[in-house]
Amino acid sequence: MFFKHVFNYQYRSDRVRRIAITPSADERRGFQELPENSLDRSDRKFLAVAFVAGAVILNATDSDWVEQNALTETLGVEVAQLCPQYASKFGRRRP
């Protein structure tokens, strides 16, 4: 339903907020809006958009977001862990 809503209303500013981000030639950043980072390249667009928009990232099971907690905190981006028991490679035994 979410993606159908976004698709149907993608150009209606009263329904969907479009955020511009700027790709960077610097492979260590990915986007101009981000500092150098080691976040997975495919996840950087989500971090850049959340940073610019002041939005929360919703994560279900991707452990990268747990591992990059220092980066997201530095940027002031909140990552809401929907299934925290599965979002860590260490499960409940994470040090």
PDB file of N, CA and C in Angstrom:
ATOM      1  N   MET A   1       0.813  -1.193   0.000  1.00  0.00           N
ATOM      2  CA  MET A   1       0.000   0.000   0.000  1.00  0.00           C
ATOM      3  C   MET A   1       0.861   1.264   0.000  1.00  0.00           C
ATOM      4  N   PHE A   2       1.954   1.244   0.765  1.00  0.00           N
ATOM      5  CA  PHE A   2       2.789   2.438   0.861  1.00  0.00           C
ATOM      6  C   PHE A   2       3.329   2.846  -0.508  1.00  0.00           C
ATOM      7  N   PHE A   3       3.911   1.895  -1.228  1.00  0.00           N
ATOM      8  CA  PHE A   3       4.496   2.229  -2.528  1.00  0.00           C
ATOM      9  C   PHE A   3       3.437   2.633  -3.546  1.00  0.00           C
ATOM     10  N   LYS A   4       2.269   2.042  -3.459  1.00  0.00           N
ATOM     11  CA  LYS A   4       1.170   2.442  -4.342  1.00  0.00           C
ATOM     12  C   LYS A   4       0.774   3.891  -4.051  1.00  0.00           C
ATOM     13  N   HIS A   5       0.718   4.243  -2.786  1.00  0.00           N
ATOM     14  CA  HIS A   5       0.391   5.620  -2.395  1.00  0.00           C
ATOM     15  C   HIS A   5       1.446   6.590  -2.940  1.00  0.00           C
ATOM     16  N   VAL A   6       2.712   6.263  -2.730  1.00  0.00           N
ATOM     17  CA  VAL A   6       3.791   7.134  -3.215  1.00  0.00           C
ATOM     18  C   VAL A   6       3.733   7.256  -4.733  1.00  0.00           C
ATOM     19  N   PHE A   7       3.545   6.143  -5.421  1.00  0.00           N
ATOM     20  CA  PHE A   7       3.465   6.179  -6.878  1.00  0.00           C
ATOM     21  C   PHE A   7       2.285   7.022  -7.349  1.00  0.00           C
ATOM     22  N   ASN A   8       1.129   6.796  -6.787  1.00  0.00           N
ATOM     23  CA  ASN A   8      -0.079   7.509  -7.221  1.00  0.00           C
ATOM     24  C   ASN A   8      -0.019   9.009  -6.959  1.00  0.00           C
ATOM     25  N   TYR A   9       0.647   9.396  -5.873  1.00  0.00           N
ATOM     26  CA  TYR A   9       0.634  10.800  -5.461  1.00  0.00           C
ATOM     27  C   TYR A   9       2.012  11.459  -5.500  1.00  0.00           C
ATOM     28  N   GLN A  10       2.958  10.875  -6.229  1.00  0.00           N
ATOM     29  CA  GLN A  10       4.336  11.359  -6.194  1.00  0.00           C
ATOM     30  C   GLN A  10       4.509  12.818  -6.593  1.00  0.00           C
ATOM     31  N   TYR A  11       3.608  13.379  -7.361  1.00  0.00           N
ATOM     32  CA  TYR A  11       3.734  14.781  -7.769  1.00  0.00           C
ATOM     33  C   TYR A  11       2.741  15.692  -7.054  1.00  0.00           C
ATOM     34  N   ARG A  12       2.086  15.187  -6.031  1.00  0.00           N
ATOM     35  CA  ARG A  12       1.156  16.004  -5.247  1.00  0.00           C
ATOM     36  C   ARG A  12       1.858  16.416  -3.966  1.00  0.00           C
ATOM     37  N   SER A  13       2.301  17.654  -3.914  1.00  0.00           N
ATOM     38  CA  SER A  13       3.070  18.127  -2.767  1.00  0.00           C
ATOM     39  C   SER A  13       2.268  18.129  -1.472  1.00  0.00           C
ATOM     40  N   ASP A  14       0.958  18.067  -1.559  1.00  0.00           N
ATOM     41  CA  ASP A  14       0.157  17.980  -0.341  1.00  0.00           C
ATOM     42  C   ASP A  14       0.120  16.554   0.216  1.00  0.00           C
ATOM     43  N   ARG A  15       0.634  15.586  -0.545  1.00  0.00           N
ATOM     44  CA  ARG A  15       0.613  14.181  -0.133  1.00  0.00           C
ATOM     45  C   ARG A  15       2.003  13.567   0.031  1.00  0.00           C
ATOM     46  N   VAL A  16       2.937  13.972  -0.820  1.00  0.00           N
ATOM     47  CA  VAL A  16       4.278  13.385  -0.824  1.00  0.00           C
ATOM     48  C   VAL A  16       5.308  14.503  -0.859  1.00  0.00           C
ATOM     49  N   ARG A  17       6.289  14.406   0.010  1.00  0.00           N
ATOM     50  CA  ARG A  17       7.369  15.393   0.042  1.00  0.00           C
ATOM     51  C   ARG A  17       8.561  14.830  -0.723  1.00  0.00           C
ATOM     52  N   ARG A  18       8.970  15.518  -1.781  1.00  0.00           N
ATOM     53  CA  ARG A  18      10.111  15.090  -2.598  1.00  0.00           C
ATOM     54  C   ARG A  18      11.355  15.811  -2.093  1.00  0.00           C
ATOM     55  N   ILE A  19      12.428  15.064  -1.873  1.00  0.00           N
ATOM     56  CA  ILE A  19      13.668  15.604  -1.323  1.00  0.00           C
ATOM     57  C   ILE A  19      14.778  15.460  -2.356  1.00  0.00           C
ATOM     58  N   ALA A  20      15.478  16.555  -2.618  1.00  0.00           N
ATOM     59  CA  ALA A  20      16.599  16.530  -3.566  1.00  0.00           C
ATOM     60  C   ALA A  20      17.892  16.211  -2.822  1.00  0.00           C
ATOM     61  N   ILE A  21      18.664  15.273  -3.356  1.00  0.00           N
ATOM     62  CA  ILE A  21      19.998  14.975  -2.846  1.00  0.00           C
ATOM     63  C   ILE A  21      20.958  15.008  -4.027  1.00  0.00           C
ATOM     64  N   THR A  22      22.241  15.253  -3.733  1.00  0.00           N
ATOM     65  CA  THR A  22      23.233  15.476  -4.777  1.00  0.00           C
ATOM     66  C   THR A  22      24.286  14.371  -4.786  1.00  0.00           C
ATOM     67  N   PRO A  23      24.340  13.551  -5.833  1.00  0.00           N
ATOM     68  CA  PRO A  23      25.380  12.520  -5.912  1.00  0.00           C
ATOM     69  C   PRO A  23      26.770  13.149  -5.872  1.00  0.00           C
ATOM     70  N   SER A  24      27.705  12.427  -5.276  1.00  0.00           N
ATOM     71  CA  SER A  24      29.082  12.892  -5.165  1.00  0.00           C
ATOM     72  C   SER A  24      30.003  11.948  -5.930  1.00  0.00           C
ATOM     73  N   ALA A  25      31.011  12.507  -6.565  1.00  0.00           N
ATOM     74  CA  ALA A  25      32.017  11.685  -7.243  1.00  0.00           C
ATOM     75  C   ALA A  25      32.922  10.996  -6.226  1.00  0.00           C
ATOM     76  N   ASP A  26      32.917  11.476  -4.995  1.00  0.00           N
ATOM     77  CA  ASP A  26      33.727  10.900  -3.922  1.00  0.00           C
ATOM     78  C   ASP A  26      33.068   9.611  -3.429  1.00  0.00           C
ATOM     79  N   GLU A  27      33.659   8.483  -3.753  1.00  0.00           N
ATOM     80  CA  GLU A  27      33.104   7.176  -3.378  1.00  0.00           C
ATOM     81  C   GLU A  27      32.985   7.003  -1.866  1.00  0.00           C
ATOM     82  N   ARG A  28      33.761   7.764  -1.100  1.00  0.00           N
ATOM     83  CA  ARG A  28      33.722   7.636   0.357  1.00  0.00           C
ATOM     84  C   ARG A  28      32.515   8.333   0.962  1.00  0.00           C
ATOM     85  N   ARG A  29      31.835   9.153   0.161  1.00  0.00           N
ATOM     86  CA  ARG A  29      30.660   9.886   0.646  1.00  0.00           C
ATOM     87  C   ARG A  29      29.376   9.403  -0.006  1.00  0.00           C
ATOM     88  N   GLY A  30      29.377   9.275  -1.314  1.00  0.00           N
ATOM     89  CA  GLY A  30      28.179   8.859  -2.041  1.00  0.00           C
ATOM     90  C   GLY A  30      27.283  10.017  -2.428  1.00  0.00           C
ATOM     91  N   PHE A  31      27.061  10.929  -1.484  1.00  0.00           N
ATOM     92  CA  PHE A  31      26.226  12.108  -1.726  1.00  0.00           C
ATOM     93  C   PHE A  31      26.860  13.311  -1.050  1.00  0.00           C
ATOM     94  N   GLN A  32      26.719  14.473  -1.667  1.00  0.00           N
ATOM     95  CA  GLN A  32      27.302  15.703  -1.135  1.00  0.00           C
ATOM     96  C   GLN A  32      26.823  15.990   0.287  1.00  0.00           C
ATOM     97  N   GLU A  33      25.631  15.570   0.606  1.00  0.00           N
ATOM     98  CA  GLU A  33      25.040  15.857   1.910  1.00  0.00           C
ATOM     99  C   GLU A  33      25.651  15.033   3.045  1.00  0.00           C
ATOM    100  N   LEU A  34      26.446  14.016   2.708  1.00  0.00           N
ATOM    101  CA  LEU A  34      27.012  13.115   3.708  1.00  0.00           C
ATOM    102  C   LEU A  34      28.506  13.311   3.880  1.00  0.00           C
ATOM    103  N   PRO A  35      29.011  13.059   5.095  1.00  0.00           N
ATOM    104  CA  PRO A  35      30.465  13.029   5.284  1.00  0.00           C
ATOM    105  C   PRO A  35      31.004  11.697   4.763  1.00  0.00           C
ATOM    106  N   GLU A  36      32.311  11.534   4.783  1.00  0.00           N
ATOM    107  CA  GLU A  36      32.894  10.236   4.432  1.00  0.00           C
ATOM    108  C   GLU A  36      32.294   9.190   5.359  1.00  0.00           C
ATOM    109  N   ASN A  37      31.983   8.014   4.800  1.00  0.00           N
ATOM    110  CA  ASN A  37      31.352   6.980   5.611  1.00  0.00           C
ATOM    111  C   ASN A  37      31.597   5.612   4.996  1.00  0.00           C
ATOM    112  N   SER A  38      31.340   4.586   5.790  1.00  0.00           N
ATOM    113  CA  SER A  38      31.501   3.210   5.303  1.00  0.00           C
ATOM    114  C   SER A  38      30.151   2.493   5.211  1.00  0.00           C
ATOM    115  N   LEU A  39      29.076   3.258   5.194  1.00  0.00           N
ATOM    116  CA  LEU A  39      27.742   2.678   5.042  1.00  0.00           C
ATOM    117  C   LEU A  39      27.635   2.012   3.674  1.00  0.00           C
ATOM    118  N   ASP A  40      26.886   0.937   3.607  1.00  0.00           N
ATOM    119  CA  ASP A  40      26.662   0.249   2.342  1.00  0.00           C
ATOM    120  C   ASP A  40      26.198   1.257   1.291  1.00  0.00           C
ATOM    121  N   ARG A  41      26.792   1.192   0.106  1.00  0.00           N
ATOM    122  CA  ARG A  41      26.478   2.173  -0.951  1.00  0.00           C
ATOM    123  C   ARG A  41      24.992   2.238  -1.268  1.00  0.00           C
ATOM    124  N   SER A  42      24.306   1.118  -1.231  1.00  0.00           N
ATOM    125  CA  SER A  42      22.879   1.108  -1.571  1.00  0.00           C
ATOM    126  C   SER A  42      22.011   1.759  -0.492  1.00  0.00           C
ATOM    127  N   ASP A  43      22.547   1.933   0.711  1.00  0.00           N
ATOM    128  CA  ASP A  43      21.789   2.557   1.804  1.00  0.00           C
ATOM    129  C   ASP A  43      22.040   4.057   1.931  1.00  0.00           C
ATOM    130  N   ARG A  44      23.073   4.553   1.286  1.00  0.00           N
ATOM    131  CA  ARG A  44      23.445   5.962   1.449  1.00  0.00           C
ATOM    132  C   ARG A  44      22.353   6.929   1.016  1.00  0.00           C
ATOM    133  N   LYS A  45      21.596   6.575  -0.016  1.00  0.00           N
ATOM    134  CA  LYS A  45      20.525   7.474  -0.478  1.00  0.00           C
ATOM    135  C   LYS A  45      19.476   7.668   0.606  1.00  0.00           C
ATOM    136  N   PHE A  46      19.201   6.625   1.368  1.00  0.00           N
ATOM    137  CA  PHE A  46      18.212   6.728   2.446  1.00  0.00           C
ATOM    138  C   PHE A  46      18.724   7.644   3.559  1.00  0.00           C
ATOM    139  N   LEU A  47      20.007   7.515   3.886  1.00  0.00           N
ATOM    140  CA  LEU A  47      20.596   8.366   4.917  1.00  0.00           C
ATOM    141  C   LEU A  47      20.630   9.819   4.463  1.00  0.00           C
ATOM    142  N   ALA A  48      21.016  10.063   3.213  1.00  0.00           N
ATOM    143  CA  ALA A  48      21.069  11.437   2.699  1.00  0.00           C
ATOM    144  C   ALA A  48      19.685  12.087   2.718  1.00  0.00           C
ATOM    145  N   VAL A  49      18.675  11.363   2.289  1.00  0.00           N
ATOM    146  CA  VAL A  49      17.310  11.907   2.285  1.00  0.00           C
ATOM    147  C   VAL A  49      16.833  12.168   3.709  1.00  0.00           C
ATOM    148  N   ALA A  50      17.062  11.234   4.614  1.00  0.00           N
ATOM    149  CA  ALA A  50      16.635  11.415   6.004  1.00  0.00           C
ATOM    150  C   ALA A  50      17.344  12.601   6.637  1.00  0.00           C
ATOM    151  N   PHE A  51      18.625  12.775   6.339  1.00  0.00           N
ATOM    152  CA  PHE A  51      19.387  13.893   6.885  1.00  0.00           C
ATOM    153  C   PHE A  51      18.832  15.226   6.393  1.00  0.00           C
ATOM    154  N   VAL A  52      18.622  15.349   5.099  1.00  0.00           N
ATOM    155  CA  VAL A  52      18.118  16.599   4.515  1.00  0.00           C
ATOM    156  C   VAL A  52      16.695  16.889   4.988  1.00  0.00           C
ATOM    157  N   ALA A  53      15.865  15.867   5.045  1.00  0.00           N
ATOM    158  CA  ALA A  53      14.445  16.053   5.375  1.00  0.00           C
ATOM    159  C   ALA A  53      14.165  16.090   6.873  1.00  0.00           C
ATOM    160  N   GLY A  54      15.134  15.655   7.670  1.00  0.00           N
ATOM    161  CA  GLY A  54      14.870  15.547   9.096  1.00  0.00           C
ATOM    162  C   GLY A  54      13.912  14.405   9.392  1.00  0.00           C
ATOM    163  N   ALA A  55      14.003  13.358   8.585  1.00  0.00           N
ATOM    164  CA  ALA A  55      13.085  12.221   8.697  1.00  0.00           C
ATOM    165  C   ALA A  55      13.708  11.081   9.499  1.00  0.00           C
ATOM    166  N   VAL A  56      12.873  10.168   9.918  1.00  0.00           N
ATOM    167  CA  VAL A  56      13.295   8.961  10.628  1.00  0.00           C
ATOM    168  C   VAL A  56      13.417   7.828   9.615  1.00  0.00           C
ATOM    169  N   ILE A  57      14.479   7.034   9.735  1.00  0.00           N
ATOM    170  CA  ILE A  57      14.646   5.846   8.901  1.00  0.00           C
ATOM    171  C   ILE A  57      13.999   4.678   9.641  1.00  0.00           C
ATOM    172  N   LEU A  58      13.122   3.962   8.962  1.00  0.00           N
ATOM    173  CA  LEU A  58      12.505   2.763   9.530  1.00  0.00           C
ATOM    174  C   LEU A  58      13.255   1.548   9.009  1.00  0.00           C
ATOM    175  N   ASN A  59      13.765   0.722   9.915  1.00  0.00           N
ATOM    176  CA  ASN A  59      14.538  -0.453   9.532  1.00  0.00           C
ATOM    177  C   ASN A  59      13.938  -1.697  10.173  1.00  0.00           C
ATOM    178  N   ALA A  60      13.836  -2.747   9.387  1.00  0.00           N
ATOM    179  CA  ALA A  60      13.312  -4.004   9.923  1.00  0.00           C
ATOM    180  C   ALA A  60      14.446  -4.944  10.325  1.00  0.00           C
ATOM    181  N   THR A  61      15.310  -5.330   9.374  1.00  0.00           N
ATOM    182  CA  THR A  61      16.306  -6.366   9.676  1.00  0.00           C
ATOM    183  C   THR A  61      17.706  -6.090   9.141  1.00  0.00           C
ATOM    184  N   ASP A  62      17.961  -4.942   8.571  1.00  0.00           N
ATOM    185  CA  ASP A  62      19.275  -4.652   7.988  1.00  0.00           C
ATOM    186  C   ASP A  62      20.267  -4.291   9.095  1.00  0.00           C
ATOM    187  N   SER A  63      21.269  -5.140   9.302  1.00  0.00           N
ATOM    188  CA  SER A  63      22.235  -4.921  10.382  1.00  0.00           C
ATOM    189  C   SER A  63      23.151  -3.733  10.132  1.00  0.00           C
ATOM    190  N   ASP A  64      23.244  -3.252   8.898  1.00  0.00           N
ATOM    191  CA  ASP A  64      24.105  -2.100   8.601  1.00  0.00           C
ATOM    192  C   ASP A  64      23.738  -0.887   9.449  1.00  0.00           C
ATOM    193  N   TRP A  65      22.455  -0.698   9.705  1.00  0.00           N
ATOM    194  CA  TRP A  65      22.031   0.484  10.458  1.00  0.00           C
ATOM    195  C   TRP A  65      22.468   0.411  11.912  1.00  0.00           C
ATOM    196  N   VAL A  66      22.516  -0.782  12.491  1.00  0.00           N
ATOM    197  CA  VAL A  66      23.013  -0.944  13.857  1.00  0.00           C
ATOM    198  C   VAL A  66      24.510  -0.671  13.875  1.00  0.00           C
ATOM    199  N   GLU A  67      25.220  -1.211  12.894  1.00  0.00           N
ATOM    200  CA  GLU A  67      26.671  -1.047  12.815  1.00  0.00           C
ATOM    201  C   GLU A  67      27.078   0.399  12.559  1.00  0.00           C
ATOM    202  N   GLN A  68      26.221   1.185  11.933  1.00  0.00           N
ATOM    203  CA  GLN A  68      26.531   2.580  11.602  1.00  0.00           C
ATOM    204  C   GLN A  68      25.865   3.565  12.564  1.00  0.00           C
ATOM    205  N   ASN A  69      25.575   3.113  13.775  1.00  0.00           N
ATOM    206  CA  ASN A  69      24.910   3.945  14.767  1.00  0.00           C
ATOM    207  C   ASN A  69      25.670   5.247  15.040  1.00  0.00           C
ATOM    208  N   ALA A  70      26.992   5.197  15.116  1.00  0.00           N
ATOM    209  CA  ALA A  70      27.775   6.411  15.386  1.00  0.00           C
ATOM    210  C   ALA A  70      27.579   7.443  14.274  1.00  0.00           C
ATOM    211  N   LEU A  71      27.550   6.993  13.032  1.00  0.00           N
ATOM    212  CA  LEU A  71      27.349   7.898  11.897  1.00  0.00           C
ATOM    213  C   LEU A  71      25.973   8.545  11.951  1.00  0.00           C
ATOM    214  N   THR A  72      24.940   7.746  12.163  1.00  0.00           N
ATOM    215  CA  THR A  72      23.586   8.306  12.181  1.00  0.00           C
ATOM    216  C   THR A  72      23.402   9.254  13.358  1.00  0.00           C
ATOM    217  N   GLU A  73      23.996   8.934  14.505  1.00  0.00           N
ATOM    218  CA  GLU A  73      23.907   9.835  15.660  1.00  0.00           C
ATOM    219  C   GLU A  73      24.631  11.142  15.387  1.00  0.00           C
ATOM    220  N   THR A  74      25.803  11.068  14.760  1.00  0.00           N
ATOM    221  CA  THR A  74      26.556  12.277  14.421  1.00  0.00           C
ATOM    222  C   THR A  74      25.739  13.192  13.516  1.00  0.00           C
ATOM    223  N   LEU A  75      25.006  12.608  12.590  1.00  0.00           N
ATOM    224  CA  LEU A  75      24.184  13.391  11.661  1.00  0.00           C
ATOM    225  C   LEU A  75      22.838  13.791  12.261  1.00  0.00           C
ATOM    226  N   GLY A  76      22.515  13.247  13.426  1.00  0.00           N
ATOM    227  CA  GLY A  76      21.231  13.549  14.045  1.00  0.00           C
ATOM    228  C   GLY A  76      20.067  12.850  13.385  1.00  0.00           C
ATOM    229  N   VAL A  77      20.341  11.715  12.739  1.00  0.00           N
ATOM    230  CA  VAL A  77      19.290  10.947  12.065  1.00  0.00           C
ATOM    231  C   VAL A  77      18.885   9.783  12.964  1.00  0.00           C
ATOM    232  N   GLU A  78      17.602   9.693  13.252  1.00  0.00           N
ATOM    233  CA  GLU A  78      17.088   8.593  14.063  1.00  0.00           C
ATOM    234  C   GLU A  78      16.785   7.395  13.172  1.00  0.00           C
ATOM    235  N   VAL A  79      17.198   6.215  13.640  1.00  0.00           N
ATOM    236  CA  VAL A  79      16.862   4.970  12.948  1.00  0.00           C
ATOM    237  C   VAL A  79      15.977   4.170  13.897  1.00  0.00           C
ATOM    238  N   ALA A  80      14.726   4.003  13.532  1.00  0.00           N
ATOM    239  CA  ALA A  80      13.790   3.227  14.342  1.00  0.00           C
ATOM    240  C   ALA A  80      13.902   1.763  13.944  1.00  0.00           C
ATOM    241  N   GLN A  81      14.288   0.941  14.893  1.00  0.00           N
ATOM    242  CA  GLN A  81      14.443  -0.492  14.645  1.00  0.00           C
ATOM    243  C   GLN A  81      13.103  -1.184  14.888  1.00  0.00           C
ATOM    244  N   LEU A  82      12.459  -1.624  13.826  1.00  0.00           N
ATOM    245  CA  LEU A  82      11.154  -2.267  13.936  1.00  0.00           C
ATOM    246  C   LEU A  82      11.250  -3.684  14.498  1.00  0.00           C
ATOM    247  N   CYS A  83      12.334  -4.374  14.179  1.00  0.00           N
ATOM    248  CA  CYS A  83      12.571  -5.744  14.667  1.00  0.00           C
ATOM    249  C   CYS A  83      13.996  -5.809  15.212  1.00  0.00           C
ATOM    250  N   PRO A  84      14.268  -5.154  16.335  1.00  0.00           N
ATOM    251  CA  PRO A  84      15.655  -5.051  16.806  1.00  0.00           C
ATOM    252  C   PRO A  84      16.325  -6.398  17.048  1.00  0.00           C
ATOM    253  N   GLN A  85      15.554  -7.414  17.377  1.00  0.00           N
ATOM    254  CA  GLN A  85      16.146  -8.729  17.616  1.00  0.00           C
ATOM    255  C   GLN A  85      16.728  -9.330  16.343  1.00  0.00           C
ATOM    256  N   TYR A  86      16.304  -8.847  15.180  1.00  0.00           N
ATOM    257  CA  TYR A  86      16.808  -9.349  13.902  1.00  0.00           C
ATOM    258  C   TYR A  86      17.723  -8.362  13.189  1.00  0.00           C
ATOM    259  N   ALA A  87      17.812  -7.144  13.671  1.00  0.00           N
ATOM    260  CA  ALA A  87      18.592  -6.110  12.993  1.00  0.00           C
ATOM    261  C   ALA A  87      20.074  -6.184  13.318  1.00  0.00           C
ATOM    262  N   SER A  88      20.449  -7.032  14.224  1.00  0.00           N
ATOM    263  CA  SER A  88      21.844  -7.168  14.603  1.00  0.00           C
ATOM    264  C   SER A  88      22.363  -8.538  14.192  1.00  0.00           C
ATOM    265  N   LYS A  89      23.573  -8.564  13.654  1.00  0.00           N
ATOM    266  CA  LYS A  89      24.185  -9.847  13.293  1.00  0.00           C
ATOM    267  C   LYS A  89      24.418 -10.703  14.532  1.00  0.00           C
ATOM    268  N   PHE A  90      24.466 -10.048  15.690  1.00  0.00           N
ATOM    269  CA  PHE A  90      24.731 -10.751  16.937  1.00  0.00           C
ATOM    270  C   PHE A  90      23.452 -11.143  17.671  1.00  0.00           C
ATOM    271  N   GLY A  91      22.309 -10.767  17.126  1.00  0.00           N
ATOM    272  CA  GLY A  91      21.049 -11.067  17.799  1.00  0.00           C
ATOM    273  C   GLY A  91      20.991 -10.401  19.157  1.00  0.00           C
ATOM    274  N   ARG A  92      20.486 -11.071  20.135  1.00  0.00           N
ATOM    275  CA  ARG A  92      20.352 -10.508  21.482  1.00  0.00           C
ATOM    276  C   ARG A  92      21.681 -10.481  22.223  1.00  0.00           C
ATOM    277  N   ARG A  93      22.704 -11.155  21.726  1.00  0.00           N
ATOM    278  CA  ARG A  93      23.986 -11.234  22.417  1.00  0.00           C
ATOM    279  C   ARG A  93      24.952 -10.153  21.977  1.00  0.00           C
ATOM    280  N   ARG A  94      24.470  -9.129  21.304  1.00  0.00           N
ATOM    281  CA  ARG A  94      25.359  -8.075  20.800  1.00  0.00           C
ATOM    282  C   ARG A  94      26.133  -7.449  21.957  1.00  0.00           C
ATOM    283  N   PRO A  95      27.461  -7.359  21.797  1.00  0.00           N
ATOM    284  CA  PRO A  95      28.288  -6.778  22.871  1.00  0.00           C
ATOM    285  C   PRO A  95      28.019  -5.300  23.067  1.00  0.00           C
TER     286      PRO A  95
END
